[in-house]
N, C-alpha and C. Protein backbone atom coordinates (compact mmCIF):
# COMPACT_ATOMS: atom_id res chain seq x y z
N MET A 1 10.24 1.18 4.33
CA MET A 1 8.98 0.34 4.43
C MET A 1 9.54 -0.51 5.56
N ASN A 2 8.82 -1.30 6.56
CA ASN A 2 8.72 -2.05 7.32
C ASN A 2 8.18 -3.82 7.49
N ALA A 3 9.19 -5.05 7.15
CA ALA A 3 8.83 -6.41 6.97
C ALA A 3 8.10 -6.25 8.32
N ILE A 4 6.79 -6.96 7.59
CA ILE A 4 5.60 -7.43 8.04
C ILE A 4 5.99 -8.60 9.76
N ASN A 5 6.98 -9.43 9.01
CA ASN A 5 7.11 -10.60 9.79
C ASN A 5 8.12 -10.41 10.79
N ASN A 6 8.41 -9.08 10.87
CA ASN A 6 9.23 -8.89 12.69
C ASN A 6 8.15 -7.73 13.40
N SER A 7 7.05 -7.96 12.26
CA SER A 7 6.29 -6.87 13.79
C SER A 7 5.31 -7.14 14.96
N THR A 8 4.89 -6.38 15.54
CA THR A 8 2.90 -6.78 16.52
C THR A 8 2.47 -7.33 15.31
N PRO A 9 1.54 -8.35 16.43
CA PRO A 9 -0.32 -8.61 15.83
C PRO A 9 -0.89 -7.88 15.12
N ASP A 10 -0.36 -6.36 15.67
CA ASP A 10 -1.21 -5.18 15.85
C ASP A 10 -0.82 -4.74 14.30
N GLU A 11 0.26 -4.66 14.25
CA GLU A 11 0.98 -3.90 13.00
C GLU A 11 0.36 -4.94 11.97
N PHE A 12 0.59 -6.42 12.75
CA PHE A 12 0.16 -7.13 10.96
C PHE A 12 -1.61 -7.10 10.46
N VAL A 13 -1.86 -6.96 11.00
CA VAL A 13 -3.35 -6.99 10.68
C VAL A 13 -3.16 -5.47 9.87
N VAL A 14 -2.94 -4.28 10.47
CA VAL A 14 -2.70 -2.60 10.05
C VAL A 14 -2.69 -3.33 8.57
N GLY A 15 -1.25 -3.76 8.64
CA GLY A 15 -0.46 -4.39 6.91
C GLY A 15 -1.56 -4.84 5.94
N LEU A 16 -2.83 -6.08 6.11
CA LEU A 16 -3.52 -6.87 5.63
C LEU A 16 -4.18 -5.41 4.64
N LYS A 17 -4.42 -5.41 5.81
CA LYS A 17 -5.66 -4.23 5.64
C LYS A 17 -5.47 -2.95 4.74
N VAL A 18 -3.81 -2.87 5.27
CA VAL A 18 -3.58 -1.66 3.55
C VAL A 18 -2.95 -2.21 2.10
N GLY A 19 -2.71 -4.08 2.23
CA GLY A 19 -2.44 -4.48 0.95
C GLY A 19 -3.70 -4.94 0.22
N SER A 20 -4.78 -5.23 0.90
CA SER A 20 -5.79 -5.63 0.57
C SER A 20 -6.43 -4.03 -0.68
N GLU A 21 -6.82 -3.63 0.40
CA GLU A 21 -6.97 -1.73 0.25
C GLU A 21 -5.86 -1.43 -0.86
N LEU A 22 -4.84 -1.63 -0.88
CA LEU A 22 -4.24 -1.42 -2.17
C LEU A 22 -4.59 -1.66 -3.21
N LYS A 23 -4.24 -3.07 -3.65
CA LYS A 23 -5.17 -4.09 -4.55
C LYS A 23 -6.28 -3.14 -5.12
N HIS A 24 -7.32 -3.23 -3.67
CA HIS A 24 -8.94 -2.63 -4.67
C HIS A 24 -8.49 -1.53 -5.50
N TRP A 25 -8.29 -0.87 -5.17
CA TRP A 25 -8.26 0.27 -5.43
C TRP A 25 -7.42 0.83 -6.62
N ARG A 26 -6.21 -0.50 -6.72
CA ARG A 26 -5.43 -0.14 -8.37
C ARG A 26 -5.75 -0.45 -9.54
N LYS A 27 -6.82 -2.46 -9.03
CA LYS A 27 -7.70 -2.84 -9.04
C LYS A 27 -8.89 -1.72 -9.78
N VAL A 28 -9.62 -1.17 -9.04
CA VAL A 28 -11.02 -0.71 -9.35
C VAL A 28 -10.50 0.89 -10.93
N LYS A 29 -9.03 1.19 -10.44
CA LYS A 29 -8.59 2.69 -11.37
C LYS A 29 -8.09 1.65 -13.00
N GLY A 30 -8.20 0.53 -13.01
CA GLY A 30 -7.46 -0.09 -14.23
C GLY A 30 -5.73 -0.36 -14.28
N PHE A 31 -5.13 -0.42 -13.04
CA PHE A 31 -3.61 0.43 -13.12
C PHE A 31 -3.02 -1.71 -12.89
N THR A 32 -2.09 -1.50 -13.56
CA THR A 32 -1.38 -2.58 -13.10
C THR A 32 -0.37 -2.27 -12.44
N GLN A 33 0.17 -3.29 -11.58
CA GLN A 33 1.68 -2.56 -10.42
C GLN A 33 2.09 -1.56 -11.40
N LYS A 34 2.88 -2.24 -12.19
CA LYS A 34 3.92 -1.27 -12.85
C LYS A 34 3.12 -0.05 -13.52
N THR A 35 1.80 0.20 -13.31
CA THR A 35 1.14 1.30 -13.77
C THR A 35 1.88 2.43 -12.43
N LEU A 36 0.82 1.20 -11.42
CA LEU A 36 0.74 2.50 -10.33
C LEU A 36 1.91 2.88 -9.90
N ALA A 37 3.37 2.09 -10.02
CA ALA A 37 4.20 2.45 -9.35
C ALA A 37 4.89 3.49 -10.37
N ARG A 38 4.79 3.26 -11.73
CA ARG A 38 5.24 4.30 -12.68
C ARG A 38 4.74 6.03 -12.01
N LYS A 39 3.55 5.77 -11.91
CA LYS A 39 2.78 6.82 -11.87
C LYS A 39 3.25 8.08 -10.19
N MET A 40 3.27 7.16 -9.12
CA MET A 40 4.30 7.45 -7.97
C MET A 40 5.56 7.29 -7.92
N GLY A 41 6.34 7.10 -8.81
CA GLY A 41 7.80 7.40 -8.58
C GLY A 41 7.37 6.33 -7.92
N SER A 42 8.39 5.20 -7.87
CA SER A 42 8.60 4.02 -7.07
C SER A 42 8.48 2.61 -7.92
N HIS A 43 8.52 1.40 -7.59
CA HIS A 43 9.05 0.07 -8.38
C HIS A 43 7.96 -0.94 -7.88
N GLN A 44 7.38 -1.80 -9.11
CA GLN A 44 6.25 -2.64 -9.34
C GLN A 44 6.85 -3.50 -8.51
N SER A 45 8.01 -3.41 -7.79
CA SER A 45 8.34 -5.16 -7.00
C SER A 45 7.71 -4.47 -5.27
N ALA A 46 7.85 -2.73 -4.60
CA ALA A 46 7.39 -2.41 -3.75
C ALA A 46 5.90 -2.40 -3.78
N ILE A 47 4.98 -2.34 -4.98
CA ILE A 47 3.81 -2.51 -4.63
C ILE A 47 3.17 -3.61 -3.96
N ALA A 48 4.00 -4.67 -5.52
CA ALA A 48 3.79 -5.96 -4.86
C ALA A 48 4.33 -7.07 -3.32
N ARG A 49 4.91 -6.52 -2.83
CA ARG A 49 5.11 -6.51 -1.54
C ARG A 49 4.58 -5.69 -0.20
N VAL A 50 3.74 -4.78 -1.00
CA VAL A 50 2.47 -4.21 0.24
C VAL A 50 1.62 -5.19 0.17
N GLU A 51 1.40 -5.70 -1.62
CA GLU A 51 -0.09 -5.90 -1.93
C GLU A 51 0.18 -7.73 -1.23
N ASP A 52 1.24 -8.02 -0.82
CA ASP A 52 0.92 -9.40 -0.20
C ASP A 52 1.49 -9.40 0.64
N ASP A 53 1.64 -8.44 1.60
CA ASP A 53 1.52 -8.61 2.42
C ASP A 53 3.11 -8.80 3.04
N LYS A 54 4.28 -8.43 3.23
CA LYS A 54 5.54 -8.61 3.11
C LYS A 54 6.30 -7.41 3.74
N TYR A 55 5.34 -6.08 3.49
CA TYR A 55 5.51 -5.01 4.02
C TYR A 55 4.65 -4.32 4.34
N LEU A 56 5.33 -3.09 5.56
CA LEU A 56 4.39 -2.11 5.93
C LEU A 56 4.88 -0.83 5.34
N PRO A 57 3.84 -0.48 4.05
CA PRO A 57 4.68 1.07 4.08
C PRO A 57 4.57 2.36 5.16
N SER A 58 5.04 2.80 4.71
CA SER A 58 5.84 4.18 4.91
C SER A 58 4.26 5.42 4.68
N ILE A 59 4.33 5.94 5.26
CA ILE A 59 3.79 7.37 5.61
C ILE A 59 3.48 8.22 4.07
N SER A 60 5.02 8.13 4.37
CA SER A 60 5.03 9.42 2.15
C SER A 60 5.45 8.11 1.32
N PHE A 61 4.58 7.23 1.64
CA PHE A 61 4.77 5.76 0.68
C PHE A 61 2.85 5.84 0.12
N LEU A 62 2.38 5.76 1.13
CA LEU A 62 1.10 5.94 1.35
C LEU A 62 0.69 7.58 1.12
N ILE A 63 1.09 8.48 0.72
CA ILE A 63 0.67 9.65 0.51
C ILE A 63 0.53 9.46 -1.21
N ARG A 64 2.25 8.92 -1.67
CA ARG A 64 2.45 8.81 -3.30
C ARG A 64 1.42 7.83 -3.67
N VAL A 65 0.51 6.37 -2.70
CA VAL A 65 -0.20 6.29 -3.25
C VAL A 65 -1.46 6.58 -3.37
N ALA A 66 -1.94 7.13 -2.67
CA ALA A 66 -3.02 8.47 -2.55
C ALA A 66 -3.40 8.96 -3.83
N ALA A 67 -2.19 9.92 -3.98
CA ALA A 67 -2.38 10.92 -5.32
C ALA A 67 -2.51 9.85 -6.52
N ALA A 68 -1.54 9.03 -6.38
CA ALA A 68 -1.78 8.19 -7.66
C ALA A 68 -3.09 7.42 -7.92
N LEU A 69 -3.33 7.26 -7.12
CA LEU A 69 -4.83 6.43 -7.22
C LEU A 69 -6.48 7.26 -7.55
N ASP A 70 -6.19 9.01 -6.75
CA ASP A 70 -6.74 9.71 -6.45
C ASP A 70 -8.05 9.71 -5.45
N LYS A 71 -7.82 9.39 -4.36
CA LYS A 71 -7.92 8.89 -3.24
C LYS A 71 -6.95 9.75 -2.29
N ARG A 72 -7.44 9.98 -0.12
CA ARG A 72 -7.27 10.11 0.59
C ARG A 72 -6.90 9.08 0.99
N ILE A 73 -6.20 9.34 2.24
CA ILE A 73 -5.92 8.82 3.20
C ILE A 73 -6.52 8.80 4.62
N GLU A 74 -7.13 7.91 5.31
CA GLU A 74 -7.71 8.46 6.24
C GLU A 74 -7.75 7.11 7.04
N VAL A 75 -7.10 7.96 8.35
CA VAL A 75 -6.50 7.42 10.27
C VAL A 75 -8.02 7.84 10.82
N ARG A 76 -8.18 5.69 11.76
CA ARG A 76 -9.32 6.06 12.72
C ARG A 76 -8.90 5.77 13.63
N PHE A 77 -8.86 5.98 15.07
CA PHE A 77 -9.09 4.92 16.09
C PHE A 77 -9.77 4.68 16.91
N LYS A 78 -10.50 3.17 17.20
CA LYS A 78 -11.04 2.88 17.38
C LYS A 78 -11.34 2.44 18.87
């Protein structure tokens, strides 16, 4: 994961979207941060940092999140 405070403005916006989406779908599934972390082989603190927009997750992290939430990753260029 990459620290958002060292990122470009565009990366910061992406980070905000990733964090809010992760939090939304985690809550829809009824998972705590700890439960999601356990399901994806990570740590609760990693989930918290992404949700709090402190870190941009790697693609491999997002793949594990998507699998744990029964979701797919979609990338769009506008």
